[in-house]
Amino acid sequence: MTRSSLHLLKGTGYLISTVSVTLLAIVSWENASKSPLLIACLLGGAATSIIGMFCRWLSYEIEKRQEERR
């Protein structure tokens, strides 16, 4: 597997994980909407998960660009 295809696979994996978190949050919304604390936890959990995946993807992008410059 080439580096570019491996990089694409990582990016696709993070995109799928982001969609998964979003779908799980949508399903959970009905029960969570009954309590402000649950809403905050649901939104905070989904947001931090997506931000974490974005940071990992971005680190791979930076590494890839640094290797291309060498």
C-alpha atoms as a PDB file:
ATOM      1  CA  MET A   1       0.000   0.000   0.000  1.00  0.00           C
ATOM      2  CA  THR A   2       1.460   3.367  -1.004  1.00  0.00           C
ATOM      3  CA  ARG A   3       1.765   6.285   1.405  1.00  0.00           C
ATOM      4  CA  SER A   4      -0.888   8.306  -0.410  1.00  0.00           C
ATOM      5  CA  SER A   5      -3.404   5.455  -0.375  1.00  0.00           C
ATOM      6  CA  LEU A   6      -2.655   4.849   3.304  1.00  0.00           C
ATOM      7  CA  HIS A   7      -3.185   8.543   3.982  1.00  0.00           C
ATOM      8  CA  LEU A   8      -6.486   8.443   2.087  1.00  0.00           C
ATOM      9  CA  LEU A   9      -7.563   5.406   4.097  1.00  0.00           C
ATOM     10  CA  LYS A  10      -6.829   7.232   7.377  1.00  0.00           C
ATOM     11  CA  GLY A  11      -8.792  10.259   6.237  1.00  0.00           C
ATOM     12  CA  THR A  12     -11.710   8.088   5.165  1.00  0.00           C
ATOM     13  CA  GLY A  13     -11.663   6.330   8.530  1.00  0.00           C
ATOM     14  CA  TYR A  14     -11.854   9.630  10.380  1.00  0.00           C
ATOM     15  CA  LEU A  15     -14.692  10.804   8.148  1.00  0.00           C
ATOM     16  CA  ILE A  16     -16.636   7.612   8.828  1.00  0.00           C
ATOM     17  CA  SER A  17     -16.041   8.021  12.569  1.00  0.00           C
ATOM     18  CA  THR A  18     -17.312  11.606  12.404  1.00  0.00           C
ATOM     19  CA  VAL A  19     -20.489  10.498  10.640  1.00  0.00           C
ATOM     20  CA  SER A  20     -20.911   7.741  13.237  1.00  0.00           C
ATOM     21  CA  VAL A  21     -20.655  10.189  16.139  1.00  0.00           C
ATOM     22  CA  THR A  22     -23.142  12.498  14.450  1.00  0.00           C
ATOM     23  CA  LEU A  23     -25.645   9.673  13.879  1.00  0.00           C
ATOM     24  CA  LEU A  24     -25.333   8.486  17.472  1.00  0.00           C
ATOM     25  CA  ALA A  25     -25.914  12.035  18.717  1.00  0.00           C
ATOM     26  CA  ILE A  26     -29.043  12.343  16.561  1.00  0.00           C
ATOM     27  CA  VAL A  27     -30.435   9.088  17.945  1.00  0.00           C
ATOM     28  CA  SER A  28     -29.684  10.185  21.525  1.00  0.00           C
ATOM     29  CA  TRP A  29     -31.126  13.669  21.150  1.00  0.00           C
ATOM     30  CA  GLU A  30     -34.725  12.770  22.070  1.00  0.00           C
ATOM     31  CA  ASN A  31     -33.828  11.552  25.556  1.00  0.00           C
ATOM     32  CA  ALA A  32     -31.049  14.073  26.118  1.00  0.00           C
ATOM     33  CA  SER A  33     -33.301  17.011  25.240  1.00  0.00           C
ATOM     34  CA  LYS A  34     -35.207  16.436  28.481  1.00  0.00           C
ATOM     35  CA  SER A  35     -32.318  17.739  30.595  1.00  0.00           C
ATOM     36  CA  PRO A  36     -29.965  20.681  30.038  1.00  0.00           C
ATOM     37  CA  LEU A  37     -27.115  18.695  31.619  1.00  0.00           C
ATOM     38  CA  LEU A  38     -27.654  15.776  29.236  1.00  0.00           C
ATOM     39  CA  ILE A  39     -27.798  18.165  26.281  1.00  0.00           C
ATOM     40  CA  ALA A  40     -24.483  19.698  27.336  1.00  0.00           C
ATOM     41  CA  CYS A  41     -22.913  16.254  27.781  1.00  0.00           C
ATOM     42  CA  LEU A  42     -24.199  14.997  24.435  1.00  0.00           C
ATOM     43  CA  LEU A  43     -23.099  18.051  22.486  1.00  0.00           C
ATOM     44  CA  GLY A  44     -19.804  18.308  24.362  1.00  0.00           C
ATOM     45  CA  GLY A  45     -19.029  14.637  23.859  1.00  0.00           C
ATOM     46  CA  ALA A  46     -19.870  14.677  20.172  1.00  0.00           C
ATOM     47  CA  ALA A  47     -17.945  17.906  19.581  1.00  0.00           C
ATOM     48  CA  THR A  48     -14.813  16.782  21.429  1.00  0.00           C
ATOM     49  CA  SER A  49     -14.839  13.459  19.600  1.00  0.00           C
ATOM     50  CA  ILE A  50     -15.087  15.158  16.216  1.00  0.00           C
ATOM     51  CA  ILE A  51     -12.433  17.750  17.152  1.00  0.00           C
ATOM     52  CA  GLY A  52     -10.123  14.948  18.298  1.00  0.00           C
ATOM     53  CA  MET A  53     -10.527  13.103  15.018  1.00  0.00           C
ATOM     54  CA  PHE A  54      -9.884  16.320  13.110  1.00  0.00           C
ATOM     55  CA  CYS A  55      -6.674  16.933  15.104  1.00  0.00           C
ATOM     56  CA  ARG A  56      -5.413  13.421  14.367  1.00  0.00           C
ATOM     57  CA  TRP A  57      -6.215  13.796  10.668  1.00  0.00           C
ATOM     58  CA  LEU A  58      -4.511  17.195  10.616  1.00  0.00           C
ATOM     59  CA  SER A  59      -1.383  15.720  12.208  1.00  0.00           C
ATOM     60  CA  TYR A  60      -1.219  13.144   9.405  1.00  0.00           C
ATOM     61  CA  GLU A  61      -1.626  15.934   6.839  1.00  0.00           C
ATOM     62  CA  ILE A  62       1.229  17.903   8.392  1.00  0.00           C
ATOM     63  CA  GLU A  63       3.466  14.828   8.534  1.00  0.00           C
ATOM     64  CA  LYS A  64       2.680  14.012   4.906  1.00  0.00           C
ATOM     65  CA  ARG A  65       3.548  17.533   3.752  1.00  0.00           C
ATOM     66  CA  GLN A  66       6.768  17.520   5.763  1.00  0.00           C
ATOM     67  CA  GLU A  67       7.805  14.218   4.174  1.00  0.00           C
ATOM     68  CA  GLU A  68       6.993  15.557   0.692  1.00  0.00           C
ATOM     69  CA  ARG A  69       9.306  18.526   1.287  1.00  0.00           C
ATOM     70  CA  ARG A  70      12.238  16.233   2.118  1.00  0.00           C
END
